[in-house]
Amino acid sequence: MTKAQYSVPPINRSLVRSIIKKELGNYPEKVFKSFNSEAVAAASIGQVHRATLMDGTEVAVKVQYPGVRETISSDIAIAKSILKRIVSNVNALNEYIDEVRSTLLDETDYLKEGTSMETFHNRFASEQVVTPRWIEELSTERVLTMTYLEGKHLKEFLESNPSETERNRYGQLMWDFFHTQIESVMDGHFEFHADTHPGNFLYTPDGKLGVIDYGCVKTFPKDFFYNYLLLLPTHINRDEVAIVELYNKLGVIAGDPNENKKEKRFYDFALNYGFAFALPYLENTFDFGDPEYRELIRQYTKNTPITNEPRGNKHFIYSTRVHLGLYHLLMKLGATVQTIKSREAVERTLEGYEERSA
């Protein structure tokens, strides 16, 4: 997945030149003061080139591969036809397919990504987090120009043999960024950076966390978000009555798990997995580098119950992508993080929701 996101083979330079001319009205050497024809990163939808604006500003230019939207639609249609043969509830499947299709197609709209980039800059840029700035006048749906951020991706960072202090620092910044997004819903913001994988984060030379890609920004419905958030305190408190109620609301199970063996199997798995996910919040600090914890998460991922029907609310596709992606990045870093403030942030968010709903 990491390779697919930012290490796939790039397209040739002549095609890049023709795309930029079509989208920006002229060849790159006319639009930019300098333009590196060799891609510095290549992902599944487009590739990135370094360039310099006429005023000397260093920028990154993301160029979308030709025919991406058509390829996505075609691949989704093929996947859907195959899944229909093995999935029992086709109507429920359609909800999942439509969710994935719409989000992937949104990723091909670079103007939408530029808007999201500015939104996240205004909300989260700080002494700890840095984001690129959108160069709107040099962007279209298929070419995105943004200010360039210096930094290392996770693999390169780990290859530099960082100290424990450095690993913990960047792990804390990632953990805090995730929970700052949670707390911002109290101001009415339900948009989340929903692509938590190594290619979308940089560890900058001045010790900041760089968040560099905003193609996959997910807006969660309010009710789903708060029910998802409630999973944390109910698992921490081992309140199984509340857990059963939430699992039914979120489509994880149907009915009373004690009255149906199939539902009991899914309930037991989700319950124990939920407890494992809640572990980092039980103490004031948590060591994601603990090999026993890594193995625990790996075993749950490996032993997920197999079924021929969709399970869970369709929005789990991206909430899980965010949450599980964060845990995997922290485990790769081997970071120990302070979790007490994040637990308090979740509590404040839930209390605020309950007060507004009363």
Protein backbone atom coordinates (compact mmCIF):
# COMPACT_ATOMS: atom_id res chain seq x y z
CA MET A 1 0.00 0.00 0.00
CA THR A 2 2.84 2.37 0.83
CA LYS A 3 4.46 1.76 -2.57
CA ALA A 4 1.15 2.25 -4.35
CA GLN A 5 0.67 5.58 -2.62
CA TYR A 6 3.96 7.31 -3.35
CA SER A 7 6.42 5.03 -5.13
CA VAL A 8 4.83 3.85 -8.39
CA PRO A 9 6.64 4.34 -11.76
CA PRO A 10 6.27 7.91 -13.09
CA ILE A 11 4.98 8.91 -16.54
CA ASN A 12 7.50 10.28 -19.06
CA ARG A 13 8.52 13.94 -19.21
CA SER A 14 7.03 14.66 -22.64
CA LEU A 15 3.59 13.62 -21.42
CA VAL A 16 4.03 15.76 -18.30
CA ARG A 17 4.86 18.78 -20.50
CA SER A 18 1.80 18.26 -22.67
CA ILE A 19 -0.51 17.90 -19.64
CA ILE A 20 0.81 21.12 -18.08
CA LYS A 21 0.42 23.00 -21.39
CA LYS A 22 -3.16 21.78 -21.73
CA GLU A 23 -4.07 22.63 -18.14
CA LEU A 24 -2.04 25.80 -17.47
CA GLY A 25 -1.89 27.22 -21.00
CA ASN A 26 1.85 26.86 -21.64
CA TYR A 27 4.80 24.51 -21.22
CA PRO A 28 6.33 24.22 -17.72
CA GLU A 29 9.49 26.13 -18.67
CA LYS A 30 7.26 29.10 -19.58
CA VAL A 31 4.99 28.85 -16.55
CA PHE A 32 7.72 28.33 -13.93
CA LYS A 33 11.13 29.85 -13.38
CA SER A 34 12.44 26.30 -13.10
CA PHE A 35 10.78 22.89 -13.37
CA ASN A 36 12.34 19.52 -12.57
CA SER A 37 11.11 17.08 -15.19
CA GLU A 38 12.02 14.13 -12.94
CA ALA A 39 9.20 13.29 -10.53
CA VAL A 40 10.15 13.41 -6.84
CA ALA A 41 7.15 11.25 -5.91
CA ALA A 42 4.68 9.14 -7.85
CA ALA A 43 1.37 7.85 -6.51
CA SER A 44 -1.65 5.98 -7.80
CA ILE A 45 -3.43 9.08 -9.16
CA GLY A 46 -0.61 11.49 -10.03
CA GLN A 47 3.05 12.39 -9.61
CA VAL A 48 4.84 15.32 -8.03
CA HIS A 49 7.54 17.58 -9.52
CA ARG A 50 9.61 20.26 -7.84
CA ALA A 51 9.51 23.71 -9.41
CA THR A 52 10.19 27.37 -8.67
CA LEU A 53 7.77 30.24 -9.26
CA MET A 54 8.88 33.39 -11.05
CA ASP A 55 9.24 35.12 -7.67
CA GLY A 56 11.56 32.38 -6.40
CA THR A 57 9.03 30.47 -4.26
CA GLU A 58 9.73 26.74 -4.22
CA VAL A 59 6.66 24.69 -5.07
CA ALA A 60 5.49 21.13 -5.66
CA VAL A 61 3.42 20.49 -8.78
CA LYS A 62 1.16 17.44 -8.79
CA VAL A 63 0.26 16.22 -12.26
CA GLN A 64 -2.62 13.79 -12.64
CA TYR A 65 -2.22 10.74 -14.86
CA PRO A 66 -4.39 10.80 -18.01
CA GLY A 67 -7.65 8.86 -17.81
CA VAL A 68 -7.60 8.34 -14.04
CA ARG A 69 -11.30 9.11 -13.53
CA GLU A 70 -12.28 6.66 -16.26
CA THR A 71 -9.98 4.00 -14.83
CA ILE A 72 -11.48 4.40 -11.34
CA SER A 73 -15.03 4.07 -12.67
CA SER A 74 -14.07 1.02 -14.72
CA ASP A 75 -12.26 -0.69 -11.84
CA ILE A 76 -15.14 -0.03 -9.44
CA ALA A 77 -17.62 -1.49 -11.93
CA ILE A 78 -15.50 -4.64 -12.32
CA ALA A 79 -15.09 -5.00 -8.55
CA LYS A 80 -18.82 -4.54 -8.06
CA SER A 81 -19.70 -7.25 -10.58
CA ILE A 82 -17.35 -9.70 -8.87
CA LEU A 83 -18.53 -8.87 -5.35
CA LYS A 84 -22.18 -9.29 -6.33
CA ARG A 85 -21.48 -12.98 -6.90
CA ILE A 86 -20.31 -13.57 -3.35
CA VAL A 87 -22.17 -10.97 -1.25
CA SER A 88 -25.63 -11.88 0.01
CA ASN A 89 -27.00 -8.36 0.58
CA VAL A 90 -26.44 -6.55 -2.73
CA ASN A 91 -28.34 -3.41 -1.66
CA ALA A 92 -26.06 -2.95 1.35
CA LEU A 93 -23.04 -3.59 -0.88
CA ASN A 94 -24.09 -0.74 -3.17
CA GLU A 95 -23.80 1.73 -0.28
CA TYR A 96 -20.19 0.69 0.31
CA ILE A 97 -19.32 0.77 -3.40
CA ASP A 98 -20.87 4.20 -3.85
CA GLU A 99 -18.99 5.50 -0.81
CA VAL A 100 -15.65 4.32 -2.18
CA ARG A 101 -16.39 5.52 -5.71
CA SER A 102 -17.43 9.04 -4.69
CA THR A 103 -14.40 9.47 -2.42
CA LEU A 104 -11.95 8.20 -5.05
CA LEU A 105 -13.45 10.47 -7.69
CA ASP A 106 -13.18 13.40 -5.28
CA GLU A 107 -9.45 12.66 -5.07
CA THR A 108 -9.14 13.36 -8.80
CA ASP A 109 -10.47 16.90 -8.39
CA TYR A 110 -7.36 18.91 -7.56
CA LEU A 111 -9.34 22.13 -7.16
CA LYS A 112 -11.28 20.48 -4.36
CA GLU A 113 -8.00 19.28 -2.85
CA GLY A 114 -6.59 22.79 -3.00
CA THR A 115 -9.62 24.13 -1.15
CA SER A 116 -9.23 21.42 1.50
CA MET A 117 -5.54 22.25 1.81
CA GLU A 118 -6.35 25.86 2.66
CA THR A 119 -9.11 24.80 5.08
CA PHE A 120 -6.72 22.53 6.98
CA HIS A 121 -4.02 25.19 6.97
CA ASN A 122 -6.38 27.67 8.58
CA ARG A 123 -7.53 25.13 11.16
CA PHE A 124 -4.33 23.31 12.12
CA ALA A 125 -1.15 25.11 11.03
CA SER A 126 0.82 25.89 14.19
CA GLU A 127 4.24 25.70 15.81
CA GLN A 128 3.86 21.91 15.66
CA VAL A 129 2.07 21.28 12.36
CA VAL A 130 2.94 22.71 8.95
CA THR A 131 0.92 22.42 5.75
CA PRO A 132 1.58 23.47 2.15
CA ARG A 133 -0.23 26.49 0.74
CA TRP A 134 -2.34 26.24 -2.37
CA ILE A 135 -1.24 28.23 -5.43
CA GLU A 136 -4.71 28.60 -6.89
CA GLU A 137 -3.75 30.53 -10.03
CA LEU A 138 -1.51 27.64 -11.14
CA SER A 139 -3.97 24.85 -10.39
CA THR A 140 -6.75 23.10 -12.27
CA GLU A 141 -8.75 19.91 -11.73
CA ARG A 142 -5.74 17.93 -13.01
CA VAL A 143 -2.71 20.02 -12.00
CA LEU A 144 -2.17 21.13 -8.40
CA THR A 145 0.53 23.61 -7.41
CA MET A 146 1.41 24.10 -3.75
CA THR A 147 4.32 25.43 -1.70
CA TYR A 148 7.07 22.87 -1.19
CA LEU A 149 7.77 21.37 2.24
CA GLU A 150 11.16 19.95 3.16
CA GLY A 151 11.11 16.78 5.21
CA LYS A 152 11.46 13.02 5.38
CA HIS A 153 8.82 10.37 4.91
CA LEU A 154 8.62 7.63 7.53
CA LYS A 155 10.90 5.16 5.72
CA GLU A 156 13.62 7.72 5.08
CA PHE A 157 13.28 9.04 8.63
CA LEU A 158 13.73 5.58 10.17
CA GLU A 159 16.71 4.87 7.90
CA SER A 160 18.42 7.94 9.42
CA ASN A 161 18.54 6.05 12.75
CA PRO A 162 16.60 8.66 14.77
CA SER A 163 16.88 8.79 18.54
CA GLU A 164 14.08 7.64 20.83
CA THR A 165 13.40 11.29 21.65
CA GLU A 166 12.93 12.12 17.97
CA ARG A 167 10.64 9.15 17.37
CA ASN A 168 8.55 10.03 20.39
CA ARG A 169 8.32 13.67 19.33
CA TYR A 170 6.96 12.92 15.87
CA GLY A 171 4.71 10.19 17.23
CA GLN A 172 3.24 12.69 19.68
CA LEU A 173 2.69 15.22 16.92
CA MET A 174 0.77 12.65 14.84
CA TRP A 175 -1.29 11.55 17.83
CA ASP A 176 -2.11 15.16 18.75
CA PHE A 177 -3.01 16.08 15.14
CA PHE A 178 -5.55 13.25 15.07
CA HIS A 179 -7.15 14.32 18.35
CA THR A 180 -7.12 18.02 17.48
CA GLN A 181 -9.31 17.08 14.51
CA ILE A 182 -11.67 15.28 16.89
CA GLU A 183 -11.91 18.25 19.21
CA SER A 184 -12.52 20.66 16.33
CA VAL A 185 -15.97 19.15 15.74
CA MET A 186 -17.13 21.28 18.66
CA ASP A 187 -16.68 24.22 16.28
CA GLY A 188 -18.76 22.42 13.66
CA HIS A 189 -15.89 20.91 11.66
CA PHE A 190 -16.52 17.28 10.70
CA GLU A 191 -13.94 17.08 7.90
CA PHE A 192 -11.06 14.71 8.62
CA HIS A 193 -7.79 14.01 6.88
CA ALA A 194 -8.78 10.44 5.99
CA ASP A 195 -5.65 9.03 4.37
CA THR A 196 -3.33 8.17 7.23
CA HIS A 197 -0.45 6.47 5.45
CA PRO A 198 3.32 7.18 5.32
CA GLY A 199 3.24 9.07 2.02
CA ASN A 200 1.07 11.86 3.40
CA PHE A 201 3.24 12.95 6.31
CA LEU A 202 6.68 14.53 6.57
CA TYR A 203 9.03 14.96 9.50
CA THR A 204 10.56 18.38 8.89
CA PRO A 205 14.13 19.51 9.73
CA ASP A 206 12.80 21.98 12.31
CA GLY A 207 10.89 19.28 14.19
CA LYS A 208 7.39 19.84 12.83
CA LEU A 209 4.86 17.42 11.39
CA GLY A 210 4.16 18.13 7.73
CA VAL A 211 0.72 17.10 6.46
CA ILE A 212 0.99 17.26 2.69
CA ASP A 213 -1.90 15.55 0.90
CA TYR A 214 -5.58 16.53 1.08
CA GLY A 215 -7.09 14.47 -1.71
CA CYS A 216 -8.94 12.21 0.71
CA VAL A 217 -10.81 14.45 3.14
CA LYS A 218 -13.86 12.77 4.63
CA THR A 219 -16.83 14.61 6.12
CA PHE A 220 -18.49 12.33 8.67
CA PRO A 221 -22.20 12.65 9.50
CA LYS A 222 -22.67 14.02 13.02
CA ASP A 223 -24.62 11.04 14.39
CA PHE A 224 -22.15 8.49 13.06
CA PHE A 225 -19.19 10.46 14.36
CA TYR A 226 -20.47 10.73 17.92
CA ASN A 227 -21.56 7.08 18.04
CA TYR A 228 -18.09 6.12 16.79
CA LEU A 229 -16.51 8.33 19.43
CA LEU A 230 -18.71 6.79 22.14
CA LEU A 231 -17.08 3.44 21.44
CA LEU A 232 -14.02 4.62 23.35
CA PRO A 233 -15.51 5.33 26.81
CA THR A 234 -17.89 2.35 26.60
CA HIS A 235 -14.93 0.01 25.94
CA ILE A 236 -12.75 1.66 28.56
CA ASN A 237 -15.55 1.22 31.12
CA ARG A 238 -16.41 -2.26 29.75
CA ASP A 239 -20.05 -1.23 29.65
CA GLU A 240 -21.42 -4.11 27.58
CA VAL A 241 -25.02 -2.89 27.67
CA ALA A 242 -23.95 0.38 26.03
CA ILE A 243 -21.60 -1.48 23.68
CA VAL A 244 -24.39 -3.74 22.38
CA GLU A 245 -26.57 -0.68 21.80
CA LEU A 246 -23.81 1.12 19.90
CA TYR A 247 -22.93 -1.96 17.82
CA ASN A 248 -26.56 -2.17 16.71
CA LYS A 249 -26.69 1.53 15.85
CA LEU A 250 -23.46 1.23 13.86
CA GLY A 251 -24.51 -1.95 12.05
CA VAL A 252 -21.80 -4.14 13.54
CA ILE A 253 -24.39 -6.62 14.83
CA ALA A 254 -28.14 -7.11 14.44
CA GLY A 255 -30.12 -7.71 17.61
CA ASP A 256 -29.08 -9.46 20.81
CA PRO A 257 -25.79 -11.35 20.31
CA ASN A 258 -26.75 -13.82 23.04
CA GLU A 259 -29.69 -15.02 20.93
CA ASN A 260 -27.83 -15.63 17.68
CA LYS A 261 -24.57 -17.57 17.29
CA LYS A 262 -23.51 -15.68 14.16
CA GLU A 263 -24.10 -12.32 15.80
CA LYS A 264 -22.30 -13.54 18.93
CA ARG A 265 -19.23 -14.37 16.86
CA PHE A 266 -19.10 -10.87 15.41
CA TYR A 267 -19.87 -9.30 18.77
CA ASP A 268 -17.07 -11.15 20.58
CA PHE A 269 -14.54 -10.23 17.89
CA ALA A 270 -15.55 -6.55 17.80
CA LEU A 271 -15.66 -6.36 21.60
CA ASN A 272 -12.13 -7.69 22.07
CA TYR A 273 -10.77 -5.67 19.16
CA GLY A 274 -12.40 -2.58 20.68
CA PHE A 275 -10.72 -3.26 24.00
CA ALA A 276 -7.36 -3.57 22.20
CA PHE A 277 -7.95 -0.22 20.46
CA ALA A 278 -8.85 1.41 23.77
CA LEU A 279 -5.66 0.27 25.53
CA PRO A 280 -3.59 3.38 24.65
CA TYR A 281 -6.13 5.54 26.50
CA LEU A 282 -6.11 3.58 29.76
CA GLU A 283 -2.86 5.08 31.07
CA ASN A 284 -1.33 8.54 30.80
CA THR A 285 1.34 7.27 28.38
CA PHE A 286 1.42 4.38 25.92
CA ASP A 287 4.29 2.61 24.16
CA PHE A 288 3.29 1.80 20.57
CA GLY A 289 6.67 0.14 20.15
CA ASP A 290 5.65 -2.68 22.51
CA PRO A 291 6.02 -5.84 20.39
CA GLU A 292 3.21 -7.56 22.31
CA TYR A 293 0.80 -4.80 21.35
CA ARG A 294 1.89 -4.90 17.71
CA GLU A 295 1.30 -8.64 17.67
CA LEU A 296 -2.10 -8.21 19.33
CA ILE A 297 -3.27 -5.79 16.61
CA ARG A 298 -1.77 -8.01 13.90
CA GLN A 299 -3.66 -11.05 15.15
CA TYR A 300 -6.98 -9.20 15.18
CA THR A 301 -6.39 -7.93 11.65
CA LYS A 302 -5.41 -11.42 10.51
CA ASN A 303 -8.34 -13.20 12.20
CA THR A 304 -11.22 -10.92 11.24
CA PRO A 305 -14.36 -13.10 10.89
CA ILE A 306 -15.13 -13.96 7.27
CA THR A 307 -18.64 -13.27 5.99
CA ASN A 308 -20.47 -12.86 2.69
CA GLU A 309 -22.40 -9.81 3.87
CA PRO A 310 -21.32 -6.23 4.57
CA ARG A 311 -20.89 -5.40 8.25
CA GLY A 312 -20.86 -2.01 9.90
CA ASN A 313 -21.85 1.47 8.81
CA LYS A 314 -20.34 2.48 5.45
CA HIS A 315 -18.51 5.35 7.16
CA PHE A 316 -16.35 2.80 8.99
CA ILE A 317 -14.42 2.49 5.72
CA TYR A 318 -12.75 5.82 6.35
CA SER A 319 -12.93 6.12 10.14
CA THR A 320 -11.01 2.83 10.31
CA ARG A 321 -8.61 4.02 7.64
CA VAL A 322 -7.81 7.05 9.78
CA HIS A 323 -7.63 5.32 13.16
CA LEU A 324 -5.92 2.07 12.22
CA GLY A 325 -3.56 3.96 9.93
CA LEU A 326 -2.51 6.16 12.85
CA TYR A 327 -1.81 3.15 15.07
CA HIS A 328 0.27 1.45 12.38
CA LEU A 329 2.36 4.59 11.82
CA LEU A 330 2.99 4.93 15.56
CA MET A 331 3.93 1.25 15.80
CA LYS A 332 6.40 1.66 12.92
CA LEU A 333 7.87 4.68 14.71
CA GLY A 334 8.02 2.72 17.96
CA ALA A 335 6.81 5.89 19.67
CA THR A 336 5.72 6.38 23.25
CA VAL A 337 3.00 9.06 23.44
CA GLN A 338 1.26 11.01 26.16
CA THR A 339 -2.44 10.14 25.95
CA ILE A 340 -4.07 11.85 28.93
CA LYS A 341 -4.87 15.09 27.07
CA SER A 342 -6.36 13.19 24.14
CA ARG A 343 -8.60 11.19 26.45
CA GLU A 344 -9.77 14.44 28.00
CA ALA A 345 -10.35 15.89 24.50
CA VAL A 346 -12.63 12.98 23.62
CA GLU A 347 -14.52 13.44 26.89
CA ARG A 348 -14.98 17.19 26.27
CA THR A 349 -16.21 16.55 22.73
CA LEU A 350 -18.77 14.03 23.89
CA GLU A 351 -19.93 16.24 26.74
CA GLY A 352 -20.35 19.16 24.34
CA TYR A 353 -22.44 17.02 22.01
CA GLU A 354 -24.65 15.80 24.84
CA GLU A 355 -25.20 19.37 26.06
CA ARG A 356 -26.22 20.57 22.60
CA SER A 357 -28.51 17.56 22.14
CA ALA A 358 -30.27 18.02 25.50
